Every structure is written in C-alpha cells, then in structure tokens.
Amino acid sequence: MLLLPVGREASPGVTAPPYVRHRPERTLLYQLIEEHYPSFKAHLAAQGTDVPGYVQQEFEEYLKCGCLDHGFLRVRCDTCHAEHLVAFSCKNRGF
C-alpha cells in the first residue's frame, strides 16, 4: 500500500515499505512515566503542592498519544484490501 497525495497513483513497480505501527507503550520513556508519574503526583499532593496544570496535561496527553486504546482509524487499501489500525496522535495533526 503506497500512500500518495489524493488523485495520484504509484508508478508501476514502485512499492512502499510495509507499515509498522509505532508502539509507544514499549518505549522506556513511556514505561517510566506510566509507572512513576502517578506516585510522583501523590507524593507532591502529600506535601501540599501539585504539578502545574500544563505539565499535568502534557504527561496525560503523552500517555494517550499513539495508543490504540485512545482512538484509531482503520485504513484499508482499495487495491489489495490490506487493513491497518493507525492510532491518533497527540500532536494535533489529525492522526
């Protein structure tokens, strides 16, 4: 499945590399934030302080970004009928 701008078709013999979904939940950074962020917030709350709202929003959006649990599109090739799930992105670029 070769993705091209609307109205354009791939030249014969041109193939795109296979689509491989990025799995953010498998990255070390994601795992560290997922594991330690809740206890960090609880620790701050116990001290009578809190993470600024914009920081909290960034962490929560990061944990949702690219995860199928938080929304996805099912993309299907009209030619070969291959289907892929494409997770929504937190980068406000649609998906």
PDB file of N, CA and C in Angstrom:
ATOM      1  N   MET A   1       0.850  -1.163   0.000  1.00  0.00           N
ATOM      2  CA  MET A   1       0.000   0.000   0.000  1.00  0.00           C
ATOM      3  C   MET A   1       0.897   1.228   0.000  1.00  0.00           C
ATOM      4  N   LEU A   2       0.896   1.985  -1.072  1.00  0.00           N
ATOM      5  CA  LEU A   2       1.719   3.174  -1.195  1.00  0.00           C
ATOM      6  C   LEU A   2       0.843   4.393  -1.010  1.00  0.00           C
ATOM      7  N   LEU A   3       1.112   5.183   0.033  1.00  0.00           N
ATOM      8  CA  LEU A   3       0.319   6.363   0.303  1.00  0.00           C
ATOM      9  C   LEU A   3       0.847   7.528  -0.512  1.00  0.00           C
ATOM     10  N   LEU A   4      -0.035   8.106  -1.304  1.00  0.00           N
ATOM     11  CA  LEU A   4       0.312   9.249  -2.136  1.00  0.00           C
ATOM     12  C   LEU A   4      -0.750  10.316  -1.971  1.00  0.00           C
ATOM     13  N   PRO A   5      -0.446  11.563  -2.371  1.00  0.00           N
ATOM     14  CA  PRO A   5      -1.462  12.602  -2.300  1.00  0.00           C
ATOM     15  C   PRO A   5      -2.707  12.182  -3.080  1.00  0.00           C
ATOM     16  N   VAL A   6      -3.841  12.699  -2.668  1.00  0.00           N
ATOM     17  CA  VAL A   6      -5.109  12.365  -3.305  1.00  0.00           C
ATOM     18  C   VAL A   6      -5.035  12.618  -4.801  1.00  0.00           C
ATOM     19  N   GLY A   7      -5.548  11.664  -5.567  1.00  0.00           N
ATOM     20  CA  GLY A   7      -5.590  11.819  -7.021  1.00  0.00           C
ATOM     21  C   GLY A   7      -4.351  11.332  -7.740  1.00  0.00           C
ATOM     22  N   ARG A   8      -3.341  10.875  -7.021  1.00  0.00           N
ATOM     23  CA  ARG A   8      -2.121  10.385  -7.650  1.00  0.00           C
ATOM     24  C   ARG A   8      -2.001   8.892  -7.416  1.00  0.00           C
ATOM     25  N   GLU A   9      -1.445   8.211  -8.363  1.00  0.00           N
ATOM     26  CA  GLU A   9      -1.244   6.774  -8.232  1.00  0.00           C
ATOM     27  C   GLU A   9       0.242   6.466  -8.317  1.00  0.00           C
ATOM     28  N   ALA A  10       0.636   5.358  -7.706  1.00  0.00           N
ATOM     29  CA  ALA A  10       2.032   4.932  -7.719  1.00  0.00           C
ATOM     30  C   ALA A  10       2.421   4.472  -9.123  1.00  0.00           C
ATOM     31  N   SER A  11       3.663   4.703  -9.474  1.00  0.00           N
ATOM     32  CA  SER A  11       4.188   4.212 -10.744  1.00  0.00           C
ATOM     33  C   SER A  11       4.290   2.692 -10.673  1.00  0.00           C
ATOM     34  N   PRO A  12       4.120   2.013 -11.800  1.00  0.00           N
ATOM     35  CA  PRO A  12       4.242   0.548 -11.787  1.00  0.00           C
ATOM     36  C   PRO A  12       5.617   0.124 -11.258  1.00  0.00           C
ATOM     37  N   GLY A  13       5.618  -0.871 -10.407  1.00  0.00           N
ATOM     38  CA  GLY A  13       6.866  -1.389  -9.861  1.00  0.00           C
ATOM     39  C   GLY A  13       7.360  -0.649  -8.634  1.00  0.00           C
ATOM     40  N   VAL A  14       6.716   0.449  -8.258  1.00  0.00           N
ATOM     41  CA  VAL A  14       7.132   1.211  -7.076  1.00  0.00           C
ATOM     42  C   VAL A  14       6.357   0.684  -5.877  1.00  0.00           C
ATOM     43  N   THR A  15       7.083   0.267  -4.867  1.00  0.00           N
ATOM     44  CA  THR A  15       6.427  -0.231  -3.663  1.00  0.00           C
ATOM     45  C   THR A  15       6.923   0.546  -2.457  1.00  0.00           C
ATOM     46  N   ALA A  16       6.064   0.697  -1.509  1.00  0.00           N
ATOM     47  CA  ALA A  16       6.421   1.375  -0.269  1.00  0.00           C
ATOM     48  C   ALA A  16       6.818   0.327   0.757  1.00  0.00           C
ATOM     49  N   PRO A  17       7.615   0.724   1.734  1.00  0.00           N
ATOM     50  CA  PRO A  17       7.934  -0.230   2.792  1.00  0.00           C
ATOM     51  C   PRO A  17       6.655  -0.576   3.552  1.00  0.00           C
ATOM     52  N   PRO A  18       6.591  -1.755   4.133  1.00  0.00           N
ATOM     53  CA  PRO A  18       5.383  -2.142   4.856  1.00  0.00           C
ATOM     54  C   PRO A  18       5.159  -1.226   6.058  1.00  0.00           C
ATOM     55  N   TYR A  19       3.901  -0.979   6.358  1.00  0.00           N
ATOM     56  CA  TYR A  19       3.545  -0.133   7.500  1.00  0.00           C
ATOM     57  C   TYR A  19       3.792  -0.900   8.794  1.00  0.00           C
ATOM     58  N   VAL A  20       4.483  -0.269   9.710  1.00  0.00           N
ATOM     59  CA  VAL A  20       4.715  -0.842  11.030  1.00  0.00           C
ATOM     60  C   VAL A  20       4.290   0.205  12.053  1.00  0.00           C
ATOM     61  N   ARG A  21       3.290  -0.144  12.855  1.00  0.00           N
ATOM     62  CA  ARG A  21       2.777   0.799  13.846  1.00  0.00           C
ATOM     63  C   ARG A  21       3.803   1.037  14.943  1.00  0.00           C
ATOM     64  N   HIS A  22       3.988   2.312  15.263  1.00  0.00           N
ATOM     65  CA  HIS A  22       4.837   2.669  16.395  1.00  0.00           C
ATOM     66  C   HIS A  22       4.101   2.258  17.670  1.00  0.00           C
ATOM     67  N   ARG A  23       4.779   1.641  18.570  1.00  0.00           N
ATOM     68  CA  ARG A  23       4.157   1.181  19.816  1.00  0.00           C
ATOM     69  C   ARG A  23       4.799   1.933  20.987  1.00  0.00           C
ATOM     70  N   PRO A  24       4.256   3.105  21.304  1.00  0.00           N
ATOM     71  CA  PRO A  24       4.877   3.932  22.350  1.00  0.00           C
ATOM     72  C   PRO A  24       4.923   3.241  23.701  1.00  0.00           C
ATOM     73  N   GLU A  25       3.950   2.364  23.967  1.00  0.00           N
ATOM     74  CA  GLU A  25       3.912   1.688  25.265  1.00  0.00           C
ATOM     75  C   GLU A  25       5.094   0.747  25.479  1.00  0.00           C
ATOM     76  N   ARG A  26       5.853   0.481  24.446  1.00  0.00           N
ATOM     77  CA  ARG A  26       7.035  -0.388  24.568  1.00  0.00           C
ATOM     78  C   ARG A  26       8.330   0.393  24.776  1.00  0.00           C
ATOM     79  N   THR A  27       8.270   1.723  24.726  1.00  0.00           N
ATOM     80  CA  THR A  27       9.483   2.519  24.899  1.00  0.00           C
ATOM     81  C   THR A  27       9.791   2.684  26.386  1.00  0.00           C
ATOM     82  N   LEU A  28      11.049   2.845  26.692  1.00  0.00           N
ATOM     83  CA  LEU A  28      11.474   3.003  28.082  1.00  0.00           C
ATOM     84  C   LEU A  28      10.878   4.261  28.699  1.00  0.00           C
ATOM     85  N   LEU A  29      10.894   5.375  27.960  1.00  0.00           N
ATOM     86  CA  LEU A  29      10.352   6.624  28.493  1.00  0.00           C
ATOM     87  C   LEU A  29       8.881   6.466  28.862  1.00  0.00           C
ATOM     88  N   TYR A  30       8.097   5.880  27.977  1.00  0.00           N
ATOM     89  CA  TYR A  30       6.676   5.682  28.239  1.00  0.00           C
ATOM     90  C   TYR A  30       6.487   4.826  29.494  1.00  0.00           C
ATOM     91  N   GLN A  31       7.218   3.743  29.600  1.00  0.00           N
ATOM     92  CA  GLN A  31       7.076   2.841  30.742  1.00  0.00           C
ATOM     93  C   GLN A  31       7.453   3.538  32.052  1.00  0.00           C
ATOM     94  N   LEU A  32       8.496   4.358  32.012  1.00  0.00           N
ATOM     95  CA  LEU A  32       8.902   5.081  33.225  1.00  0.00           C
ATOM     96  C   LEU A  32       7.838   6.085  33.653  1.00  0.00           C
ATOM     97  N   ILE A  33       7.305   6.840  32.696  1.00  0.00           N
ATOM     98  CA  ILE A  33       6.280   7.824  33.032  1.00  0.00           C
ATOM     99  C   ILE A  33       5.013   7.134  33.517  1.00  0.00           C
ATOM    100  N   GLU A  34       4.608   6.094  32.823  1.00  0.00           N
ATOM    101  CA  GLU A  34       3.394   5.380  33.216  1.00  0.00           C
ATOM    102  C   GLU A  34       3.511   4.812  34.628  1.00  0.00           C
ATOM    103  N   GLU A  35       4.685   4.308  34.964  1.00  0.00           N
ATOM    104  CA  GLU A  35       4.880   3.682  36.273  1.00  0.00           C
ATOM    105  C   GLU A  35       5.043   4.704  37.396  1.00  0.00           C
ATOM    106  N   HIS A  36       5.812   5.771  37.150  1.00  0.00           N
ATOM    107  CA  HIS A  36       6.197   6.666  38.244  1.00  0.00           C
ATOM    108  C   HIS A  36       5.414   7.974  38.331  1.00  0.00           C
ATOM    109  N   TYR A  37       4.775   8.402  37.274  1.00  0.00           N
ATOM    110  CA  TYR A  37       4.058   9.687  37.314  1.00  0.00           C
ATOM    111  C   TYR A  37       2.937   9.702  38.358  1.00  0.00           C
ATOM    112  N   PRO A  38       2.095   8.662  38.441  1.00  0.00           N
ATOM    113  CA  PRO A  38       1.033   8.699  39.476  1.00  0.00           C
ATOM    114  C   PRO A  38       1.595   8.815  40.903  1.00  0.00           C
ATOM    115  N   SER A  39       2.652   8.090  41.208  1.00  0.00           N
ATOM    116  CA  SER A  39       3.213   8.174  42.562  1.00  0.00           C
ATOM    117  C   SER A  39       3.907   9.518  42.786  1.00  0.00           C
ATOM    118  N   PHE A  40       4.469  10.099  41.731  1.00  0.00           N
ATOM    119  CA  PHE A  40       5.071  11.435  41.834  1.00  0.00           C
ATOM    120  C   PHE A  40       4.000  12.468  42.167  1.00  0.00           C
ATOM    121  N   LYS A  41       2.841  12.385  41.483  1.00  0.00           N
ATOM    122  CA  LYS A  41       1.742  13.305  41.775  1.00  0.00           C
ATOM    123  C   LYS A  41       1.236  13.108  43.204  1.00  0.00           C
ATOM    124  N   ALA A  42       1.135  11.860  43.646  1.00  0.00           N
ATOM    125  CA  ALA A  42       0.677  11.568  45.004  1.00  0.00           C
ATOM    126  C   ALA A  42       1.673  12.112  46.032  1.00  0.00           C
ATOM    127  N   HIS A  43       2.949  11.986  45.737  1.00  0.00           N
ATOM    128  CA  HIS A  43       3.993  12.493  46.631  1.00  0.00           C
ATOM    129  C   HIS A  43       3.876  14.013  46.777  1.00  0.00           C
ATOM    130  N   LEU A  44       3.685  14.691  45.650  1.00  0.00           N
ATOM    131  CA  LEU A  44       3.528  16.146  45.707  1.00  0.00           C
ATOM    132  C   LEU A  44       2.260  16.535  46.460  1.00  0.00           C
ATOM    133  N   ALA A  45       1.172  15.805  46.229  1.00  0.00           N
ATOM    134  CA  ALA A  45      -0.087  16.099  46.918  1.00  0.00           C
ATOM    135  C   ALA A  45       0.067  15.930  48.426  1.00  0.00           C
ATOM    136  N   ALA A  46       0.826  14.928  48.853  1.00  0.00           N
ATOM    137  CA  ALA A  46       1.062  14.702  50.284  1.00  0.00           C
ATOM    138  C   ALA A  46       1.839  15.860  50.900  1.00  0.00           C
ATOM    139  N   GLN A  47       2.624  16.554  50.083  1.00  0.00           N
ATOM    140  CA  GLN A  47       3.382  17.709  50.561  1.00  0.00           C
ATOM    141  C   GLN A  47       2.592  19.007  50.437  1.00  0.00           C
ATOM    142  N   GLY A  48       1.371  18.909  49.918  1.00  0.00           N
ATOM    143  CA  GLY A  48       0.523  20.090  49.799  1.00  0.00           C
ATOM    144  C   GLY A  48       0.773  20.915  48.548  1.00  0.00           C
ATOM    145  N   THR A  49       1.403  20.331  47.573  1.00  0.00           N
ATOM    146  CA  THR A  49       1.657  21.037  46.306  1.00  0.00           C
ATOM    147  C   THR A  49       1.161  20.171  45.159  1.00  0.00           C
ATOM    148  N   ASP A  50       1.246  20.710  43.961  1.00  0.00           N
ATOM    149  CA  ASP A  50       0.741  19.971  42.807  1.00  0.00           C
ATOM    150  C   ASP A  50       1.568  20.329  41.575  1.00  0.00           C
ATOM    151  N   VAL A  51       1.487  19.476  40.595  1.00  0.00           N
ATOM    152  CA  VAL A  51       2.141  19.727  39.308  1.00  0.00           C
ATOM    153  C   VAL A  51       1.334  20.809  38.600  1.00  0.00           C
ATOM    154  N   PRO A  52       1.984  21.788  37.962  1.00  0.00           N
ATOM    155  CA  PRO A  52       1.220  22.797  37.216  1.00  0.00           C
ATOM    156  C   PRO A  52       0.306  22.129  36.184  1.00  0.00           C
ATOM    157  N   GLY A  53      -0.830  22.731  35.927  1.00  0.00           N
ATOM    158  CA  GLY A  53      -1.828  22.165  35.034  1.00  0.00           C
ATOM    159  C   GLY A  53      -1.300  21.837  33.651  1.00  0.00           C
ATOM    160  N   TYR A  54      -0.468  22.727  33.076  1.00  0.00           N
ATOM    161  CA  TYR A  54       0.061  22.471  31.737  1.00  0.00           C
ATOM    162  C   TYR A  54       1.026  21.283  31.723  1.00  0.00           C
ATOM    163  N   VAL A  55       1.737  21.062  32.824  1.00  0.00           N
ATOM    164  CA  VAL A  55       2.642  19.913  32.916  1.00  0.00           C
ATOM    165  C   VAL A  55       1.819  18.624  33.033  1.00  0.00           C
ATOM    166  N   GLN A  56       0.802  18.666  33.860  1.00  0.00           N
ATOM    167  CA  GLN A  56      -0.074  17.505  34.023  1.00  0.00           C
ATOM    168  C   GLN A  56      -0.735  17.155  32.689  1.00  0.00           C
ATOM    169  N   GLN A  57      -1.196  18.170  31.959  1.00  0.00           N
ATOM    170  CA  GLN A  57      -1.827  17.932  30.661  1.00  0.00           C
ATOM    171  C   GLN A  57      -0.851  17.288  29.677  1.00  0.00           C
ATOM    172  N   GLU A  58       0.400  17.747  29.657  1.00  0.00           N
ATOM    173  CA  GLU A  58       1.403  17.168  28.755  1.00  0.00           C
ATOM    174  C   GLU A  58       1.656  15.693  29.066  1.00  0.00           C
ATOM    175  N   PHE A  59       1.791  15.363  30.347  1.00  0.00           N
ATOM    176  CA  PHE A  59       2.015  13.965  30.723  1.00  0.00           C
ATOM    177  C   PHE A  59       0.829  13.094  30.320  1.00  0.00           C
ATOM    178  N   GLU A  60      -0.377  13.569  30.589  1.00  0.00           N
ATOM    179  CA  GLU A  60      -1.567  12.778  30.270  1.00  0.00           C
ATOM    180  C   GLU A  60      -1.736  12.606  28.769  1.00  0.00           C
ATOM    181  N   GLU A  61      -1.464  13.651  27.990  1.00  0.00           N
ATOM    182  CA  GLU A  61      -1.552  13.534  26.532  1.00  0.00           C
ATOM    183  C   GLU A  61      -0.467  12.600  26.002  1.00  0.00           C
ATOM    184  N   TYR A  62       0.718  12.667  26.587  1.00  0.00           N
ATOM    185  CA  TYR A  62       1.804  11.785  26.162  1.00  0.00           C
ATOM    186  C   TYR A  62       1.422  10.322  26.361  1.00  0.00           C
ATOM    187  N   LEU A  63       0.789  10.016  27.493  1.00  0.00           N
ATOM    188  CA  LEU A  63       0.407   8.636  27.787  1.00  0.00           C
ATOM    189  C   LEU A  63      -0.722   8.134  26.887  1.00  0.00           C
ATOM    190  N   LYS A  64      -1.473   9.038  26.275  1.00  0.00           N
ATOM    191  CA  LYS A  64      -2.545   8.648  25.354  1.00  0.00           C
ATOM    192  C   LYS A  64      -2.077   8.597  23.905  1.00  0.00           C
ATOM    193  N   CYS A  65      -1.028   9.331  23.589  1.00  0.00           N
ATOM    194  CA  CYS A  65      -0.585   9.503  22.206  1.00  0.00           C
ATOM    195  C   CYS A  65      -0.114   8.188  21.583  1.00  0.00           C
ATOM    196  N   GLY A  66      -0.699   7.865  20.450  1.00  0.00           N
ATOM    197  CA  GLY A  66      -0.264   6.692  19.704  1.00  0.00           C
ATOM    198  C   GLY A  66      -0.761   5.363  20.231  1.00  0.00           C
ATOM    199  N   CYS A  67      -1.593   5.378  21.263  1.00  0.00           N
ATOM    200  CA  CYS A  67      -2.124   4.141  21.841  1.00  0.00           C
ATOM    201  C   CYS A  67      -3.506   3.866  21.257  1.00  0.00           C
ATOM    202  N   LEU A  68      -3.709   2.680  20.785  1.00  0.00           N
ATOM    203  CA  LEU A  68      -4.981   2.308  20.166  1.00  0.00           C
ATOM    204  C   LEU A  68      -6.152   2.434  21.144  1.00  0.00           C
ATOM    205  N   ASP A  69      -5.892   2.303  22.433  1.00  0.00           N
ATOM    206  CA  ASP A  69      -6.947   2.415  23.446  1.00  0.00           C
ATOM    207  C   ASP A  69      -7.621   3.784  23.441  1.00  0.00           C
ATOM    208  N   HIS A  70      -6.938   4.788  22.913  1.00  0.00           N
ATOM    209  CA  HIS A  70      -7.445   6.164  22.961  1.00  0.00           C
ATOM    210  C   HIS A  70      -7.894   6.671  21.598  1.00  0.00           C
ATOM    211  N   GLY A  71      -8.153   5.774  20.677  1.00  0.00           N
ATOM    212  CA  GLY A  71      -8.700   6.148  19.384  1.00  0.00           C
ATOM    213  C   GLY A  71      -7.791   5.783  18.225  1.00  0.00           C
ATOM    214  N   PHE A  72      -8.423   5.382  17.133  1.00  0.00           N
ATOM    215  CA  PHE A  72      -7.655   4.978  15.963  1.00  0.00           C
ATOM    216  C   PHE A  72      -8.527   5.041  14.725  1.00  0.00           C
ATOM    217  N   LEU A  73      -7.891   4.977  13.579  1.00  0.00           N
ATOM    218  CA  LEU A  73      -8.562   4.845  12.295  1.00  0.00           C
ATOM    219  C   LEU A  73      -8.227   3.482  11.733  1.00  0.00           C
ATOM    220  N   ARG A  74      -9.192   2.880  11.051  1.00  0.00           N
ATOM    221  CA  ARG A  74      -8.929   1.642  10.324  1.00  0.00           C
ATOM    222  C   ARG A  74      -8.715   2.071   8.877  1.00  0.00           C
ATOM    223  N   VAL A  75      -7.515   1.848   8.353  1.00  0.00           N
ATOM    224  CA  VAL A  75      -7.155   2.258   6.996  1.00  0.00           C
ATOM    225  C   VAL A  75      -7.112   1.004   6.129  1.00  0.00           C
ATOM    226  N   ARG A  76      -7.760   1.088   4.953  1.00  0.00           N
ATOM    227  CA  ARG A  76      -7.852  -0.078   4.070  1.00  0.00           C
ATOM    228  C   ARG A  76      -7.414   0.306   2.668  1.00  0.00           C
ATOM    229  N   CYS A  77      -6.574  -0.508   2.074  1.00  0.00           N
ATOM    230  CA  CYS A  77      -6.110  -0.307   0.706  1.00  0.00           C
ATOM    231  C   CYS A  77      -7.214  -0.772  -0.247  1.00  0.00           C
ATOM    232  N   ASP A  78      -7.595   0.091  -1.185  1.00  0.00           N
ATOM    233  CA  ASP A  78      -8.641  -0.271  -2.147  1.00  0.00           C
ATOM    234  C   ASP A  78      -8.176  -1.354  -3.115  1.00  0.00           C
ATOM    235  N   THR A  79      -6.888  -1.460  -3.328  1.00  0.00           N
ATOM    236  CA  THR A  79      -6.364  -2.425  -4.288  1.00  0.00           C
ATOM    237  C   THR A  79      -6.209  -3.818  -3.695  1.00  0.00           C
ATOM    238  N   CYS A  80      -5.420  -3.923  -2.630  1.00  0.00           N
ATOM    239  CA  CYS A  80      -5.127  -5.250  -2.064  1.00  0.00           C
ATOM    240  C   CYS A  80      -5.989  -5.588  -0.853  1.00  0.00           C
ATOM    241  N   HIS A  81      -6.752  -4.616  -0.366  1.00  0.00           N
ATOM    242  CA  HIS A  81      -7.655  -4.778   0.770  1.00  0.00           C
ATOM    243  C   HIS A  81      -6.939  -5.033   2.098  1.00  0.00           C
ATOM    244  N   ALA A  82      -5.652  -4.725   2.164  1.00  0.00           N
ATOM    245  CA  ALA A  82      -4.927  -4.823   3.431  1.00  0.00           C
ATOM    246  C   ALA A  82      -5.470  -3.755   4.378  1.00  0.00           C
ATOM    247  N   GLU A  83      -5.566  -4.077   5.655  1.00  0.00           N
ATOM    248  CA  GLU A  83      -6.065  -3.141   6.652  1.00  0.00           C
ATOM    249  C   GLU A  83      -5.025  -2.924   7.742  1.00  0.00           C
ATOM    250  N   HIS A  84      -4.987  -1.681   8.238  1.00  0.00           N
ATOM    251  CA  HIS A  84      -4.092  -1.329   9.341  1.00  0.00           C
ATOM    252  C   HIS A  84      -4.847  -0.415  10.288  1.00  0.00           C
ATOM    253  N   LEU A  85      -4.505  -0.497  11.560  1.00  0.00           N
ATOM    254  CA  LEU A  85      -5.028   0.427  12.546  1.00  0.00           C
ATOM    255  C   LEU A  85      -3.980   1.509  12.754  1.00  0.00           C
ATOM    256  N   VAL A  86      -4.398   2.756  12.653  1.00  0.00           N
ATOM    257  CA  VAL A  86      -3.494   3.893  12.819  1.00  0.00           C
ATOM    258  C   VAL A  86      -3.986   4.680  14.019  1.00  0.00           C
ATOM    259  N   ALA A  87      -3.186   4.720  15.075  1.00  0.00           N
ATOM    260  CA  ALA A  87      -3.573   5.392  16.313  1.00  0.00           C
ATOM    261  C   ALA A  87      -3.568   6.904  16.135  1.00  0.00           C
ATOM    262  N   PHE A  88      -4.467   7.580  16.874  1.00  0.00           N
ATOM    263  CA  PHE A  88      -4.494   9.031  16.869  1.00  0.00           C
ATOM    264  C   PHE A  88      -3.222   9.564  17.514  1.00  0.00           C
ATOM    265  N   SER A  89      -2.815  10.729  17.070  1.00  0.00           N
ATOM    266  CA  SER A  89      -1.611  11.365  17.577  1.00  0.00           C
ATOM    267  C   SER A  89      -1.979  12.532  18.479  1.00  0.00           C
ATOM    268  N   CYS A  90      -1.156  12.776  19.481  1.00  0.00           N
ATOM    269  CA  CYS A  90      -1.376  13.920  20.374  1.00  0.00           C
ATOM    270  C   CYS A  90      -0.802  15.202  19.785  1.00  0.00           C
ATOM    271  N   LYS A  91      -0.191  15.116  18.628  1.00  0.00           N
ATOM    272  CA  LYS A  91       0.484  16.266  18.044  1.00  0.00           C
ATOM    273  C   LYS A  91      -0.442  17.148  17.210  1.00  0.00           C
ATOM    274  N   ASN A  92      -1.739  16.905  17.342  1.00  0.00           N
ATOM    275  CA  ASN A  92      -2.755  17.715  16.679  1.00  0.00           C
ATOM    276  C   ASN A  92      -2.580  17.795  15.174  1.00  0.00           C
ATOM    277  N   ARG A  93      -2.136  16.685  14.584  1.00  0.00           N
ATOM    278  CA  ARG A  93      -2.013  16.619  13.136  1.00  0.00           C
ATOM    279  C   ARG A  93      -3.043  15.662  12.565  1.00  0.00           C
ATOM    280  N   GLY A  94      -4.104  15.418  13.261  1.00  0.00           N
ATOM    281  CA  GLY A  94      -5.161  14.528  12.785  1.00  0.00           C
ATOM    282  C   GLY A  94      -4.969  13.107  13.281  1.00  0.00           C
ATOM    283  N   PHE A  95      -4.043  12.375  12.705  1.00  0.00           N
ATOM    284  CA  PHE A  95      -3.750  11.014  13.148  1.00  0.00           C
ATOM    285  C   PHE A  95      -2.341  10.669  12.789  1.00  0.00           C
TER     286      PHE A  95
END
